[in-house]
Amino acid sequence: MKNMTIIGIAFGLAVALSTAVGGFGGFLAALLLGAIGGVVGAQIEGRIDLRALWDSLTSGRGGKG
């Protein structure tokens, strides 16, 4: 399986499951860690470019612009 985005989401959800003792806080942790895992997987897979995103966000505030 070469789909790193799915692997990243699955890993994030697995980590979240270990922290989800219950309640709404556990649900939010699962969502947050799943999203982080998806972003990391998409970056590794090349679907998104976090460096370009960071540069575009910081260029308006005295960055390389």
C-alpha atoms as a PDB file:
ATOM      1  CA  MET A   1       0.000   0.000   0.000  1.00  0.00           C
ATOM      2  CA  LYS A   2       1.559   3.265  -1.165  1.00  0.00           C
ATOM      3  CA  ASN A   3      -1.149   5.716  -0.124  1.00  0.00           C
ATOM      4  CA  MET A   4       0.663   7.669   2.598  1.00  0.00           C
ATOM      5  CA  THR A   5      -2.307   9.960   3.258  1.00  0.00           C
ATOM      6  CA  ILE A   6      -4.484   7.025   4.336  1.00  0.00           C
ATOM      7  CA  ILE A   7      -1.619   5.572   6.377  1.00  0.00           C
ATOM      8  CA  GLY A   8      -1.118   8.951   8.065  1.00  0.00           C
ATOM      9  CA  ILE A   9      -4.811   9.257   8.908  1.00  0.00           C
ATOM     10  CA  ALA A  10      -4.881   5.695  10.249  1.00  0.00           C
ATOM     11  CA  PHE A  11      -1.793   6.324  12.383  1.00  0.00           C
ATOM     12  CA  GLY A  12      -3.224   9.558  13.756  1.00  0.00           C
ATOM     13  CA  LEU A  13      -6.501   7.854  14.610  1.00  0.00           C
ATOM     14  CA  ALA A  14      -4.665   4.951  16.266  1.00  0.00           C
ATOM     15  CA  VAL A  15      -2.740   7.377  18.472  1.00  0.00           C
ATOM     16  CA  ALA A  16      -5.955   9.247  19.216  1.00  0.00           C
ATOM     17  CA  LEU A  17      -7.693   6.010  20.145  1.00  0.00           C
ATOM     18  CA  SER A  18      -5.075   5.350  22.793  1.00  0.00           C
ATOM     19  CA  THR A  19      -5.734   8.793  24.300  1.00  0.00           C
ATOM     20  CA  ALA A  20      -9.501   8.710  23.955  1.00  0.00           C
ATOM     21  CA  VAL A  21     -10.607   7.639  27.393  1.00  0.00           C
ATOM     22  CA  GLY A  22     -14.062   8.869  26.555  1.00  0.00           C
ATOM     23  CA  GLY A  23     -16.231  11.910  26.285  1.00  0.00           C
ATOM     24  CA  PHE A  24     -16.113  14.913  24.004  1.00  0.00           C
ATOM     25  CA  GLY A  25     -12.425  15.612  24.721  1.00  0.00           C
ATOM     26  CA  GLY A  26     -11.480  12.192  23.369  1.00  0.00           C
ATOM     27  CA  PHE A  27     -13.561  12.829  20.259  1.00  0.00           C
ATOM     28  CA  LEU A  28     -11.804  16.149  19.660  1.00  0.00           C
ATOM     29  CA  ALA A  29      -8.403  14.523  20.203  1.00  0.00           C
ATOM     30  CA  ALA A  30      -9.280  11.853  17.629  1.00  0.00           C
ATOM     31  CA  LEU A  31     -10.292  14.498  15.093  1.00  0.00           C
ATOM     32  CA  LEU A  32      -7.198  16.610  15.708  1.00  0.00           C
ATOM     33  CA  LEU A  33      -4.716  13.747  15.569  1.00  0.00           C
ATOM     34  CA  GLY A  34      -6.441  12.263  12.522  1.00  0.00           C
ATOM     35  CA  ALA A  35      -6.186  15.603  10.721  1.00  0.00           C
ATOM     36  CA  ILE A  36      -2.517  15.966  11.672  1.00  0.00           C
ATOM     37  CA  GLY A  37      -1.831  12.448  10.437  1.00  0.00           C
ATOM     38  CA  GLY A  38      -3.601  13.201   7.167  1.00  0.00           C
ATOM     39  CA  VAL A  39      -1.599  16.377   6.606  1.00  0.00           C
ATOM     40  CA  VAL A  40       1.693  14.627   7.364  1.00  0.00           C
ATOM     41  CA  GLY A  41       0.784  11.761   5.040  1.00  0.00           C
ATOM     42  CA  ALA A  42      -0.220  14.156   2.259  1.00  0.00           C
ATOM     43  CA  GLN A  43       3.070  16.042   2.676  1.00  0.00           C
ATOM     44  CA  ILE A  44       5.088  12.807   2.456  1.00  0.00           C
ATOM     45  CA  GLU A  45       3.062  11.689  -0.559  1.00  0.00           C
ATOM     46  CA  GLY A  46       3.581  15.025  -2.309  1.00  0.00           C
ATOM     47  CA  ARG A  47      -0.075  16.032  -2.533  1.00  0.00           C
ATOM     48  CA  ILE A  48       0.522  19.232  -0.565  1.00  0.00           C
ATOM     49  CA  ASP A  49       3.558  21.434   0.004  1.00  0.00           C
ATOM     50  CA  LEU A  50       3.704  22.707   3.561  1.00  0.00           C
ATOM     51  CA  ARG A  51       6.862  24.743   2.868  1.00  0.00           C
ATOM     52  CA  ALA A  52       5.060  26.719   0.138  1.00  0.00           C
ATOM     53  CA  LEU A  53       2.048  27.178   2.417  1.00  0.00           C
ATOM     54  CA  TRP A  54       4.255  28.425   5.271  1.00  0.00           C
ATOM     55  CA  ASP A  55       6.153  30.763   2.936  1.00  0.00           C
ATOM     56  CA  SER A  56       2.914  32.236   1.576  1.00  0.00           C
ATOM     57  CA  LEU A  57       1.577  32.785   5.100  1.00  0.00           C
ATOM     58  CA  THR A  58       4.739  34.457   6.380  1.00  0.00           C
ATOM     59  CA  SER A  59       5.671  36.486   3.290  1.00  0.00           C
ATOM     60  CA  GLY A  60       3.143  39.222   4.106  1.00  0.00           C
ATOM     61  CA  ARG A  61       4.664  39.740   7.556  1.00  0.00           C
ATOM     62  CA  GLY A  62       8.206  40.710   6.687  1.00  0.00           C
ATOM     63  CA  GLY A  63       9.231  37.343   5.305  1.00  0.00           C
ATOM     64  CA  LYS A  64      11.158  36.658   2.114  1.00  0.00           C
ATOM     65  CA  GLY A  65       8.362  38.358   0.133  1.00  0.00           C
END
